Amino acid sequence: MTTSPATFNVLYLSAEIVPYARTGGLAQVAAALPRMLRRLGDDVRVMIPRYGLIDPDRQGLRRVLEAFPVPFDTETETAGLWAAPDADLPIYFIEHNRFFGSRQGIYSFPDDGERFVFYSRASLEACRHLGWQPHVIHCNEWQTALVANWLRTILVDDPFFRETAVVYNIHNLAYQGIFGHRVLEVAGIAHYGFIAHPEVSPSLNEVVSMMARGIIFADVIVTVSPTYAREILTPAYGEGLDPILRDRQHRLFGILNGIDVESYDPTRDPALAACFQARNTAGRAACKAHLQAACNLPQRADVPLFCVTSRLTDQKGYDILTAVLEPLLLHVGGQWIFMGTGEQRYHDYLTALAERYPQQVRVFLTWDEGLRRRLFAGADILLMPSRHEPCGLDQMIAMHYGCLPVVHATGGLADTVIDHRPPVLGTGFTFKSYDGMALYAAVVRAVEVYRHPEVWAAIQRHTMEQDFSWTQPAHAYRDLYRRARALKLTGVPG
C-alpha cells in the first residue's frame, strides 16, 4: 500500500478568492487558509475560473497552458490556464471564454451547473498537464462537489487520481446547487442515475443536489465551525440534507475559520484614522471621532456607537432587529451605523429610520471594505443577530479591532463569542432565543456594561488578545487531509 508523504500536494478548489473575485467570506478563506498551509509545509495550489472581471494584462497574469482538452458532455472542450504573480501562493485561473471570460459576474447565470462542472473537470485535467499529482483535493461549496462524485465513479480507476482523497468543505448548507438531470449528462455520470434517500423530501430526491453528492462521496466532510457541524445534523439547520449528513456524521468535522491577521491589523491598518493595540487602545477614540464626523453624527465619546455590517436579510437577523430597533433608539439610545445591501423592504425601512432619527442613525446601502474597517475600529458594539451563521468573519475581525459583538448564539458566533457574565470575563454578549426581546435584552446588557469604562476596557483588551489567526485552523486542516488520505488508501467504507 502507498504511504502518505510528509508534504502533501493539495489542490484547493474555490469559485472565488480575494483579490480577484469575491462575493462573500469564501473568497477571504480561499486566500488565507492555503497561504498558511504552505507556510506549514504543504504544496497547496488554488484554481478558480478566470471570469471576465479578471483581466490578465491588468493583473499581471502569465499564460501557463495555451490549450488542453477537457471531457465535457459527449464531446471535448478546450480550456486554457493562467497563473497569478503571487510568490506566496500559486493561484491558477481556468480559462473558457463562453462560460467565464465573456461574463463579468460570478454566479446567477442560467447555465451555472454546466459552468462549474466544466471548471471542476478542467481543474483536474490541468493537474495532469502540469504533471502535478494532488494527494488531496479540497473542494469548497456546491460548485466543486462533483469532484468527489467523479473520483468514486468515472475516475475511480484512473491511475492519476486513484490515490487522491477529497475533503469537501461546506460553508453554507443553504446554497446546494440544485439542477435537473441534464447536469449529470454534462458531467458524464448520468448512467449512474439519481441518488435518492428514504428520509429526504421527495422534492430533493427528484433533482440533482450538487452539495448532496459532495457529502455522499467525499472521504471527509468539514464545515466552518464545530457548533455548525452539530447543528446541520438537525432538521432545523440541515436544509433538507440532515438525513444524509447523519449517515456520514462519523466523517463530518467542524473547524472554525480564522481571519487574516496580517491584513486586519489595527496596529498598522492604513484605512484607520489612528492605529492602536490591545494594551494601548487610545487610538480608538480618534477612530470613533473620525467615524462620527464622517457620518455627520454628533462627536460624543460617551455615547455607545453600534455598527451592523451584514446583508439586509432575515437570515442575518433583520426580522427580529427591526422589531425592536425603534424602541432601542428611544429607550436605550446610542448611535447606529448600518452598512450593507439586501431586501428592498429593509433598504426602505432603514432609509426612513435615518430620516426620523438624523442624530442617531446613518445608513450606507453598499459594501465598502475601507468603511468596514473604520466601523470596526471606531464603533463600540457590532450587532450580529443572525438566525444562523455557519462561522462568520465580521465578529472575529471586529473583536480583533476592539469592537465588542452582540450576537445570537448560533454556529460560529457561539464558538467565537464568550458571553460576558461576571465573574466570567467574556468577549461580547450573546442571546440564545431567536426573538426580538432576547436581542433587546442583550443590547441593554451591553450598554449597561459600556457605562462602566474600566470594565469595558478590560473586556476590550481581553477580546483583542484572542487568537483568531489561521494558525490553529491550518494545523487542523493538515491533520484532516492526512486522515482523509489514510481513509482513501485503506479503503475503509463510510
Protein backbone atom coordinates (compact mmCIF):
# COMPACT_ATOMS: atom_id res chain seq x y z
CA MET A 1 0.00 0.00 0.00
CA THR A 2 1.15 3.54 -0.76
CA THR A 3 2.09 5.58 2.29
CA SER A 4 1.31 9.26 2.73
CA PRO A 5 4.22 11.67 2.24
CA ALA A 6 5.26 14.22 4.83
CA THR A 7 4.44 17.05 2.43
CA PHE A 8 1.06 16.89 0.75
CA ASN A 9 0.11 18.21 -2.67
CA VAL A 10 -3.24 19.89 -2.09
CA LEU A 11 -5.45 21.17 -4.90
CA TYR A 12 -7.71 23.84 -3.43
CA LEU A 13 -10.83 24.49 -5.50
CA SER A 14 -12.83 27.63 -4.85
CA ALA A 15 -15.14 29.62 -7.11
CA GLU A 16 -13.76 32.86 -5.68
CA ILE A 17 -10.68 34.28 -3.99
CA VAL A 18 -9.52 37.71 -2.79
CA PRO A 19 -8.48 39.92 -4.54
CA TYR A 20 -9.57 38.52 -7.91
CA ALA A 21 -13.22 37.53 -7.45
CA ARG A 22 -15.33 37.94 -4.36
CA THR A 23 -18.95 37.80 -3.22
CA GLY A 24 -18.54 36.72 0.41
CA GLY A 25 -16.43 35.12 3.11
CA LEU A 26 -15.33 32.15 0.98
CA ALA A 27 -13.06 34.46 -1.02
CA GLN A 28 -11.26 35.54 2.14
CA VAL A 29 -10.89 31.96 3.37
CA ALA A 30 -9.54 30.82 -0.01
CA ALA A 31 -6.86 33.50 0.11
CA ALA A 32 -5.78 32.98 3.72
CA LEU A 33 -6.02 29.25 4.52
CA PRO A 34 -3.97 27.91 1.56
CA ARG A 35 -1.30 30.53 2.21
CA MET A 36 -0.98 29.44 5.84
CA LEU A 37 -0.92 25.77 4.83
CA ARG A 38 2.01 26.47 2.52
CA ARG A 39 3.86 28.11 5.40
CA LEU A 40 3.35 24.90 7.35
CA GLY A 41 4.98 22.90 4.57
CA ASP A 42 2.29 21.55 2.22
CA ASP A 43 2.28 22.31 -1.51
CA VAL A 44 -1.15 23.94 -1.84
CA ARG A 45 -2.30 25.33 -5.18
CA VAL A 46 -5.56 27.16 -5.85
CA MET A 47 -7.60 27.01 -9.05
CA ILE A 48 -10.54 29.29 -9.83
CA PRO A 49 -12.30 30.28 -13.08
CA ARG A 50 -10.97 33.28 -14.99
CA TYR A 51 -14.11 35.37 -15.01
CA GLY A 52 -14.38 38.35 -17.33
CA LEU A 53 -13.69 40.68 -14.41
CA ILE A 54 -10.19 39.15 -14.11
CA ASP A 55 -8.04 40.90 -16.70
CA PRO A 56 -4.73 39.09 -17.42
CA ASP A 57 -2.90 42.23 -18.51
CA ARG A 58 -4.11 44.49 -15.73
CA GLN A 59 -3.48 41.88 -13.05
CA GLY A 60 -0.20 40.60 -14.41
CA LEU A 61 -1.23 37.02 -15.10
CA ARG A 62 1.01 34.75 -17.15
CA ARG A 63 -0.08 32.05 -19.55
CA VAL A 64 0.78 28.55 -18.31
CA LEU A 65 -1.15 26.27 -20.69
CA GLU A 66 -2.29 27.53 -24.07
CA ALA A 67 -5.00 24.91 -24.60
CA PHE A 68 -5.77 21.48 -23.19
CA PRO A 69 -8.72 19.11 -23.68
CA VAL A 70 -11.49 18.72 -21.11
CA PRO A 71 -14.12 15.94 -21.35
CA PHE A 72 -17.49 17.65 -21.28
CA ASP A 73 -20.90 16.20 -22.13
CA THR A 74 -20.49 13.92 -25.14
CA GLU A 75 -17.60 15.90 -26.60
CA THR A 76 -14.35 17.58 -25.61
CA GLU A 77 -14.00 21.26 -24.81
CA THR A 78 -10.74 23.21 -24.69
CA ALA A 79 -9.52 25.21 -21.69
CA GLY A 80 -6.56 27.47 -21.04
CA LEU A 81 -4.65 28.11 -17.85
CA TRP A 82 -3.23 31.31 -16.38
CA ALA A 83 -1.23 31.89 -13.20
CA ALA A 84 -1.10 34.84 -10.81
CA PRO A 85 2.15 36.62 -9.96
CA ASP A 86 1.88 35.56 -6.32
CA ALA A 87 5.11 34.35 -4.76
CA ASP A 88 3.44 33.07 -1.58
CA LEU A 89 0.61 31.07 -3.13
CA PRO A 90 0.22 29.58 -6.63
CA ILE A 91 -3.18 30.68 -7.97
CA TYR A 92 -4.30 29.32 -11.34
CA PHE A 93 -7.18 30.50 -13.49
CA ILE A 94 -9.20 28.18 -15.72
CA GLU A 95 -9.98 29.93 -18.99
CA HIS A 96 -13.06 29.31 -21.11
CA ASN A 97 -14.50 32.30 -22.90
CA ARG A 98 -18.11 31.15 -23.22
CA PHE A 99 -18.51 30.02 -19.64
CA PHE A 100 -16.36 32.59 -17.86
CA GLY A 101 -14.34 35.10 -19.90
CA SER A 102 -17.32 36.65 -21.65
CA ARG A 103 -19.14 37.35 -18.38
CA GLN A 104 -18.39 39.92 -15.71
CA GLY A 105 -20.37 38.18 -12.96
CA ILE A 106 -19.52 35.09 -10.93
CA TYR A 107 -22.87 33.40 -10.23
CA SER A 108 -26.58 33.55 -11.09
CA PHE A 109 -26.41 32.55 -14.75
CA PRO A 110 -28.93 30.04 -16.14
CA ASP A 111 -26.12 27.64 -17.09
CA ASP A 112 -24.29 27.77 -13.75
CA GLY A 113 -24.49 23.98 -13.46
CA GLU A 114 -22.63 23.47 -16.73
CA ARG A 115 -20.19 26.29 -15.99
CA PHE A 116 -18.98 24.88 -12.71
CA VAL A 117 -18.97 21.28 -13.91
CA PHE A 118 -16.58 22.45 -16.61
CA TYR A 119 -14.42 24.41 -14.16
CA SER A 120 -14.16 21.44 -11.82
CA ARG A 121 -13.26 18.94 -14.52
CA ALA A 122 -10.87 21.37 -16.19
CA SER A 123 -9.06 21.81 -12.86
CA LEU A 124 -8.46 18.08 -12.68
CA GLU A 125 -7.23 17.92 -16.27
CA ALA A 126 -4.95 20.92 -15.67
CA CYS A 127 -3.19 18.96 -12.93
CA ARG A 128 -2.45 16.19 -15.45
CA HIS A 129 -0.96 18.63 -17.92
CA LEU A 130 1.09 20.33 -15.22
CA GLY A 131 2.40 16.93 -14.14
CA TRP A 132 1.41 17.75 -10.56
CA GLN A 133 -0.48 14.99 -8.78
CA PRO A 134 -2.61 16.03 -5.78
CA HIS A 135 -2.72 13.83 -2.71
CA VAL A 136 -5.84 15.67 -1.56
CA ILE A 137 -8.39 17.84 -3.33
CA HIS A 138 -10.02 20.40 -1.04
CA CYS A 139 -13.43 21.17 -2.59
CA ASN A 140 -15.46 24.17 -1.45
CA GLU A 141 -19.22 24.52 -1.75
CA TRP A 142 -21.55 23.10 -4.39
CA GLN A 143 -19.58 24.46 -7.34
CA THR A 144 -16.85 21.83 -6.85
CA ALA A 145 -18.85 18.99 -5.26
CA LEU A 146 -18.89 16.68 -8.29
CA VAL A 147 -15.14 16.15 -7.97
CA ALA A 148 -15.91 13.79 -5.08
CA ASN A 149 -18.52 12.05 -7.25
CA TRP A 150 -16.11 11.60 -10.17
CA LEU A 151 -13.32 10.14 -8.03
CA ARG A 152 -15.74 7.45 -6.82
CA THR A 153 -17.17 6.69 -10.26
CA ILE A 154 -15.69 7.52 -13.67
CA LEU A 155 -12.21 8.28 -12.30
CA VAL A 156 -12.08 5.56 -9.65
CA ASP A 157 -9.53 3.53 -11.64
CA ASP A 158 -7.69 6.46 -13.18
CA PRO A 159 -4.01 5.99 -12.24
CA PHE A 160 -3.51 9.74 -11.83
CA PHE A 161 -6.29 10.15 -9.24
CA ARG A 162 -6.64 6.63 -7.83
CA GLU A 163 -5.00 7.58 -4.53
CA THR A 164 -6.31 11.16 -4.33
CA ALA A 165 -8.61 11.89 -1.39
CA VAL A 166 -11.35 14.51 -1.32
CA VAL A 167 -12.10 16.85 1.58
CA TYR A 168 -15.46 18.50 0.98
CA ASN A 169 -15.96 21.86 2.69
CA ILE A 170 -19.46 23.16 3.45
CA HIS A 171 -19.51 26.89 4.11
CA ASN A 172 -23.27 27.41 3.96
CA LEU A 173 -25.64 24.47 3.55
CA ALA A 174 -28.39 26.73 2.23
CA TYR A 175 -26.68 27.03 -1.18
CA GLN A 176 -26.78 23.49 -2.57
CA GLY A 177 -26.56 23.82 -6.35
CA ILE A 178 -29.91 22.36 -7.38
CA PHE A 179 -30.23 21.32 -11.04
CA GLY A 180 -32.07 18.94 -13.32
CA HIS A 181 -30.90 15.62 -14.78
CA ARG A 182 -29.14 17.38 -17.65
CA VAL A 183 -26.24 18.39 -15.40
CA LEU A 184 -25.42 14.70 -14.85
CA GLU A 185 -25.21 14.19 -18.60
CA VAL A 186 -22.84 17.12 -18.91
CA ALA A 187 -20.75 15.70 -16.07
CA GLY A 188 -20.60 12.26 -17.70
CA ILE A 189 -22.28 10.43 -14.82
CA ALA A 190 -25.91 10.27 -15.98
CA HIS A 191 -25.76 6.47 -16.33
CA TYR A 192 -25.30 6.24 -12.55
CA GLY A 193 -28.74 7.83 -12.16
CA PHE A 194 -30.27 9.91 -9.41
CA ILE A 195 -29.37 9.39 -5.78
CA ALA A 196 -32.44 9.03 -3.57
CA HIS A 197 -32.55 8.84 0.21
CA PRO A 198 -35.62 7.43 2.01
CA GLU A 199 -35.63 10.20 4.62
CA VAL A 200 -35.02 13.11 2.25
CA SER A 201 -38.04 15.01 0.96
CA PRO A 202 -39.32 13.91 -2.47
CA SER A 203 -38.61 17.36 -3.88
CA LEU A 204 -34.88 16.92 -3.19
CA ASN A 205 -34.83 13.31 -4.38
CA GLU A 206 -36.19 14.37 -7.77
CA VAL A 207 -33.44 16.89 -8.51
CA VAL A 208 -29.66 16.93 -8.55
CA SER A 209 -28.19 18.50 -5.42
CA MET A 210 -24.52 19.05 -6.11
CA MET A 211 -23.85 19.53 -2.41
CA ALA A 212 -25.55 16.25 -1.53
CA ARG A 213 -23.19 14.44 -3.88
CA GLY A 214 -20.19 16.11 -2.28
CA ILE A 215 -21.39 14.93 1.12
CA ILE A 216 -22.08 11.38 -0.07
CA PHE A 217 -18.85 10.76 -1.99
CA ALA A 218 -16.16 12.75 -0.16
CA ASP A 219 -13.66 10.94 2.02
CA VAL A 220 -14.12 13.59 4.71
CA ILE A 221 -16.66 16.41 5.12
CA VAL A 222 -15.78 19.57 7.02
CA THR A 223 -17.71 22.68 7.86
CA VAL A 224 -16.66 26.02 9.23
CA SER A 225 -17.33 25.73 12.96
CA PRO A 226 -17.82 22.92 15.47
CA THR A 227 -21.27 24.17 16.50
CA TYR A 228 -22.48 24.40 12.90
CA ALA A 229 -21.23 20.83 12.32
CA ARG A 230 -23.60 19.70 15.07
CA GLU A 231 -26.46 21.99 14.04
CA ILE A 232 -26.65 20.72 10.46
CA LEU A 233 -27.42 17.21 11.71
CA THR A 234 -30.84 18.51 12.77
CA PRO A 235 -33.90 19.32 10.64
CA ALA A 236 -33.82 22.92 11.90
CA TYR A 237 -30.44 23.61 10.28
CA GLY A 238 -29.96 20.73 7.84
CA GLU A 239 -31.70 22.39 4.86
CA GLY A 240 -33.24 19.02 3.94
CA LEU A 241 -29.87 17.24 3.82
CA ASP A 242 -29.69 16.33 7.51
CA PRO A 243 -30.56 12.64 6.91
CA ILE A 244 -27.58 12.33 4.53
CA LEU A 245 -25.34 14.20 6.95
CA ARG A 246 -26.40 11.96 9.83
CA ASP A 247 -25.50 8.93 7.71
CA ARG A 248 -21.98 10.33 7.34
CA GLN A 249 -21.55 12.12 10.66
CA HIS A 250 -18.56 9.91 11.54
CA ARG A 251 -16.80 11.59 8.59
CA LEU A 252 -18.08 15.11 9.44
CA PHE A 253 -15.85 17.62 11.24
CA GLY A 254 -16.08 21.27 12.24
CA ILE A 255 -13.04 23.54 12.04
CA LEU A 256 -13.51 27.19 12.89
CA ASN A 257 -12.39 29.66 10.25
CA GLY A 258 -9.70 32.20 11.04
CA ILE A 259 -9.03 35.72 9.81
CA ASP A 260 -6.03 37.17 8.04
CA VAL A 261 -4.43 38.96 10.99
CA GLU A 262 -1.73 40.41 8.76
CA SER A 263 -4.29 42.23 6.65
CA TYR A 264 -6.62 43.00 9.54
CA ASP A 265 -4.09 44.54 11.90
CA PRO A 266 -5.19 47.62 13.87
CA THR A 267 -1.57 48.45 14.69
CA ARG A 268 -0.85 49.34 11.07
CA ASP A 269 -4.11 49.42 9.11
CA PRO A 270 -3.85 52.34 6.60
CA ALA A 271 -7.64 52.66 6.44
CA LEU A 272 -7.82 53.91 10.04
CA ALA A 273 -7.62 57.47 11.34
CA ALA A 274 -5.30 56.23 14.11
CA CYS A 275 -3.71 52.90 14.93
CA PHE A 276 -3.87 51.11 18.27
CA GLN A 277 -3.25 47.80 20.03
CA ALA A 278 -4.74 45.70 22.81
CA ARG A 279 -2.51 47.18 25.52
CA ASN A 280 -2.96 50.75 24.30
CA THR A 281 -6.34 51.47 22.76
CA ALA A 282 -6.06 55.27 22.88
CA GLY A 283 -6.21 55.42 19.08
CA ARG A 284 -9.75 54.03 19.11
CA ALA A 285 -11.04 57.34 20.48
CA ALA A 286 -9.66 59.13 17.42
CA CYS A 287 -11.16 56.46 15.16
CA LYS A 288 -14.57 56.91 16.80
CA ALA A 289 -14.47 60.69 16.49
CA HIS A 290 -13.38 60.45 12.85
CA LEU A 291 -16.16 57.94 12.08
CA GLN A 292 -18.80 60.11 13.73
CA ALA A 293 -17.61 63.17 11.81
CA ALA A 294 -17.54 61.29 8.51
CA CYS A 295 -21.10 60.10 9.13
CA ASN A 296 -22.36 63.51 10.26
CA LEU A 297 -23.19 62.20 13.72
CA PRO A 298 -22.56 64.20 16.91
CA GLN A 299 -18.98 63.61 18.08
CA ARG A 300 -19.66 62.22 21.53
CA ALA A 301 -17.20 59.83 23.17
CA ASP A 302 -19.69 58.88 25.91
CA VAL A 303 -22.42 57.55 23.60
CA PRO A 304 -22.26 53.87 22.58
CA LEU A 305 -21.76 53.60 18.81
CA PHE A 306 -23.26 50.49 17.18
CA CYS A 307 -22.50 49.11 13.73
CA VAL A 308 -24.24 46.46 11.63
CA THR A 309 -22.30 45.21 8.59
CA SER A 310 -24.31 42.31 7.19
CA ARG A 311 -26.65 41.67 4.29
CA LEU A 312 -30.10 43.11 4.84
CA THR A 313 -31.97 39.80 5.04
CA ASP A 314 -33.94 37.76 7.55
CA GLN A 315 -31.14 35.21 7.75
CA LYS A 316 -28.90 37.95 9.14
CA GLY A 317 -31.47 38.75 11.81
CA TYR A 318 -33.15 41.79 10.33
CA ASP A 319 -36.59 40.37 11.06
CA ILE A 320 -36.01 40.44 14.83
CA LEU A 321 -33.80 43.54 14.72
CA THR A 322 -36.40 45.72 13.01
CA ALA A 323 -38.99 44.54 15.55
CA VAL A 324 -37.06 46.22 18.38
CA LEU A 325 -34.85 48.80 16.68
CA GLU A 326 -37.04 51.84 17.21
CA PRO A 327 -37.64 51.03 20.90
CA LEU A 328 -33.87 50.65 21.27
CA LEU A 329 -33.32 54.07 19.72
CA LEU A 330 -35.91 55.66 22.01
CA HIS A 331 -35.17 53.92 25.31
CA VAL A 332 -31.56 52.72 25.12
CA GLY A 333 -30.15 55.39 22.82
CA GLY A 334 -26.78 55.24 21.17
CA GLN A 335 -25.71 55.93 17.60
CA TRP A 336 -26.24 53.33 14.89
CA ILE A 337 -24.45 52.90 11.55
CA PHE A 338 -25.69 50.32 9.06
CA MET A 339 -23.74 49.11 6.03
CA GLY A 340 -24.96 46.51 3.55
CA THR A 341 -27.43 45.67 0.83
CA GLY A 342 -30.24 43.17 0.62
CA GLU A 343 -34.01 43.12 0.55
CA GLN A 344 -35.68 46.29 -0.67
CA ARG A 345 -38.08 46.39 2.30
CA TYR A 346 -35.09 46.72 4.65
CA HIS A 347 -33.49 49.34 2.41
CA ASP A 348 -36.70 51.35 2.69
CA TYR A 349 -37.08 50.76 6.43
CA LEU A 350 -33.55 51.87 7.32
CA THR A 351 -33.67 54.87 4.99
CA ALA A 352 -36.89 56.06 6.63
CA LEU A 353 -35.44 55.40 10.09
CA ALA A 354 -32.38 57.54 9.33
CA GLU A 355 -34.68 60.36 8.24
CA ARG A 356 -36.64 60.16 11.50
CA TYR A 357 -33.55 59.90 13.72
CA PRO A 358 -30.87 62.01 11.99
CA GLN A 359 -28.83 62.41 15.21
CA GLN A 360 -28.66 58.66 15.79
CA VAL A 361 -28.84 56.68 12.54
CA ARG A 362 -26.76 56.54 9.35
CA VAL A 363 -27.27 54.04 6.56
CA PHE A 364 -24.87 53.05 3.78
CA LEU A 365 -26.61 50.82 1.25
CA THR A 366 -23.35 49.48 -0.13
CA TRP A 367 -20.42 47.27 0.75
CA ASP A 368 -17.14 49.07 1.25
CA GLU A 369 -14.04 47.38 2.68
CA GLY A 370 -12.45 50.60 3.91
CA LEU A 371 -15.65 51.67 5.69
CA ARG A 372 -15.97 48.20 7.19
CA ARG A 373 -12.54 48.51 8.78
CA ARG A 374 -13.30 52.03 10.04
CA LEU A 375 -16.56 50.80 11.54
CA PHE A 376 -14.81 48.04 13.46
CA ALA A 377 -12.09 50.44 14.65
CA GLY A 378 -14.45 53.27 15.62
CA ALA A 379 -17.67 51.61 16.76
CA ASP A 380 -18.07 50.25 20.27
CA ILE A 381 -20.50 47.41 19.51
CA LEU A 382 -21.10 45.17 16.50
CA LEU A 383 -24.59 43.74 16.21
CA MET A 384 -24.82 40.30 14.58
CA PRO A 385 -28.22 38.74 15.38
CA SER A 386 -28.10 36.11 12.59
CA ARG A 387 -30.79 33.44 12.55
CA HIS A 388 -27.99 31.02 11.64
CA GLU A 389 -24.32 31.71 10.93
CA PRO A 390 -22.06 28.82 9.87
CA CYS A 391 -18.97 30.69 11.02
CA GLY A 392 -18.99 34.43 10.48
CA LEU A 393 -15.88 36.53 9.97
CA ASP A 394 -17.10 40.00 10.87
CA GLN A 395 -17.41 39.23 14.58
CA MET A 396 -13.81 37.98 14.69
CA ILE A 397 -12.43 40.97 12.77
CA ALA A 398 -14.47 43.36 14.94
CA MET A 399 -13.19 41.69 18.13
CA HIS A 400 -9.64 41.95 16.82
CA TYR A 401 -10.25 45.70 16.46
CA GLY A 402 -11.79 46.08 19.93
CA CYS A 403 -15.42 46.34 18.79
CA LEU A 404 -17.41 44.07 21.12
CA PRO A 405 -20.09 41.90 19.48
CA VAL A 406 -23.70 41.26 20.45
CA VAL A 407 -24.64 38.00 18.72
CA HIS A 408 -27.21 35.24 18.51
CA ALA A 409 -25.51 32.15 19.97
CA THR A 410 -25.55 30.00 16.84
CA GLY A 411 -22.89 28.37 14.65
CA GLY A 412 -19.54 30.11 14.65
CA LEU A 413 -20.95 33.01 16.65
CA ALA A 414 -21.44 30.65 19.59
CA ASP A 415 -17.91 29.29 19.11
CA THR A 416 -16.15 32.65 18.99
CA VAL A 417 -18.02 34.97 21.37
CA ILE A 418 -17.82 34.31 25.11
CA ASP A 419 -20.81 35.84 26.87
CA HIS A 420 -19.75 38.37 29.50
CA ARG A 421 -21.45 37.33 32.72
CA PRO A 422 -19.38 38.14 35.82
CA PRO A 423 -17.36 36.53 37.23
CA VAL A 424 -16.72 35.22 33.68
CA LEU A 425 -14.79 37.81 31.71
CA GLY A 426 -16.34 37.50 28.28
CA THR A 427 -15.53 38.78 24.82
CA GLY A 428 -19.01 40.05 23.97
CA PHE A 429 -22.69 39.47 24.65
CA THR A 430 -24.85 36.60 23.42
CA PHE A 431 -28.52 35.64 23.40
CA LYS A 432 -29.87 32.12 22.83
CA SER A 433 -33.54 32.55 21.94
CA TYR A 434 -34.04 33.85 18.42
CA ASP A 435 -36.52 36.63 19.13
CA GLY A 436 -36.59 40.39 19.37
CA MET A 437 -36.89 40.61 23.15
CA ALA A 438 -33.83 38.39 23.69
CA LEU A 439 -31.89 40.63 21.29
CA TYR A 440 -33.19 43.73 23.10
CA ALA A 441 -32.09 42.35 26.48
CA ALA A 442 -28.59 41.55 25.16
CA VAL A 443 -28.18 45.09 23.81
CA VAL A 444 -29.32 46.53 27.14
CA ARG A 445 -26.75 44.36 28.96
CA ALA A 446 -24.00 45.58 26.63
CA VAL A 447 -24.93 49.23 27.13
CA GLU A 448 -25.05 48.83 30.91
CA VAL A 449 -21.51 47.44 30.87
CA TYR A 450 -20.41 50.21 28.49
CA ARG A 451 -21.37 52.72 31.19
CA HIS A 452 -18.54 51.31 33.33
CA PRO A 453 -15.42 52.32 31.34
CA GLU A 454 -12.93 50.31 33.40
CA VAL A 455 -14.92 47.10 33.00
CA TRP A 456 -15.46 47.79 29.29
CA ALA A 457 -11.73 48.40 28.79
CA ALA A 458 -10.89 45.09 30.49
CA ILE A 459 -13.30 43.16 28.25
CA GLN A 460 -12.00 45.03 25.20
CA ARG A 461 -8.38 44.16 25.95
CA HIS A 462 -9.28 40.52 26.68
CA THR A 463 -11.20 40.36 23.40
CA MET A 464 -8.38 41.86 21.32
CA GLU A 465 -5.92 39.33 22.77
CA GLN A 466 -7.91 36.34 21.48
CA ASP A 467 -6.16 34.33 18.74
CA PHE A 468 -8.34 34.39 15.62
CA SER A 469 -5.45 33.75 13.22
CA TRP A 470 -5.37 30.88 10.74
CA THR A 471 -2.55 29.08 12.59
CA GLN A 472 -4.64 26.66 14.64
CA PRO A 473 -7.25 26.02 11.92
CA ALA A 474 -4.48 25.35 9.38
CA HIS A 475 -2.92 22.71 11.63
CA ALA A 476 -6.37 21.13 12.00
CA TYR A 477 -6.83 21.06 8.21
CA ARG A 478 -3.40 19.45 7.74
CA ASP A 479 -4.44 16.70 10.16
CA LEU A 480 -7.74 16.31 8.32
CA TYR A 481 -6.00 15.97 4.95
CA ARG A 482 -3.90 13.14 6.34
CA ARG A 483 -6.95 11.47 7.86
CA ALA A 484 -8.79 11.69 4.55
CA ARG A 485 -5.84 10.22 2.62
CA ALA A 486 -5.48 7.36 5.11
CA LEU A 487 -9.17 6.55 4.72
CA LYS A 488 -8.80 6.64 0.94
CA LEU A 489 -5.76 4.36 0.91
CA THR A 490 -7.17 1.82 3.35
CA GLY A 491 -10.49 1.72 1.51
CA VAL A 492 -12.45 1.86 4.76
CA PRO A 493 -16.15 2.14 3.81
CA GLY A 494 -18.07 5.07 5.15
